[in-house]
């Protein structure tokens, strides 16, 4: 007999079975077969033995295809994550070496900067020591060694030395600041690049997770199967109309069940 809209609605209720957590399990398949047979009987229709056997095999193959597809998807997904993790580790190691190199360069050069200008400072001291000695000789030769002139001349040289050392020290501080800024900036830049690269690398696996697509028979396949059954004829056109649309399975369902 022809399938009516009423019985089509009855059959669609069985789709609710697919929301169960273990809807691909063998007990669930058995329950679905029982439901389909009951609904066919209530409509005054039935499957012949060959059709019933093929329907049972079809649902079982759904389970097998789902299990195989799930395993393949999980394996592919694990390989992707493993590959990203290995690449991230390699790149992070390379950047860690670069950052360590900048840090070592900074550590090596900073002590040299601390001594920067030491010789020039000593030269200034030596220069004014000689100037004072020369002034003493000149003042003594002129008979001014014990006068206030001596104190004024030597005091002026001492003040000049202090000013020269102050200007030298300020110049060294500015130079050291520039060098230290450059060294620390290079190190900070390397760290920033490493952090940016790490963020990009960690974002790519997250993108893979978000875009993950699995290929396996799903709920919609069973839903289409049930709907197709509702549109067919219970006795003659049920399996021929239904099976050619199912393209997955051992050798493709169209080839297995398309001929009667």
Foldseek 3Di string as FASTA:
>chain_A
DAFDPVLLVQLLVLLVLQVDPVCLDPVNLVVNLVSVQVSQVVVVFHEDPVVSVVSSVVSNQQSVQQVVLVVVLVVVLVVVVVVLVVVLVVVLVVLVVVLVVLVVVLVVCLVVLVCPCVVVLVVLVVVLVVVLVVLCVVCVVVVNNPDVVNVVVNVVSVVVSVVVNVVSVVVSVVVSVVVNCVSVVVSVVSVVVSVVVSVVSVVVSVVCVVPRDTDGDGSVLVSLLSSQQSRADRYPCNQLSRQQVQQDGDHGRCVVRNPD
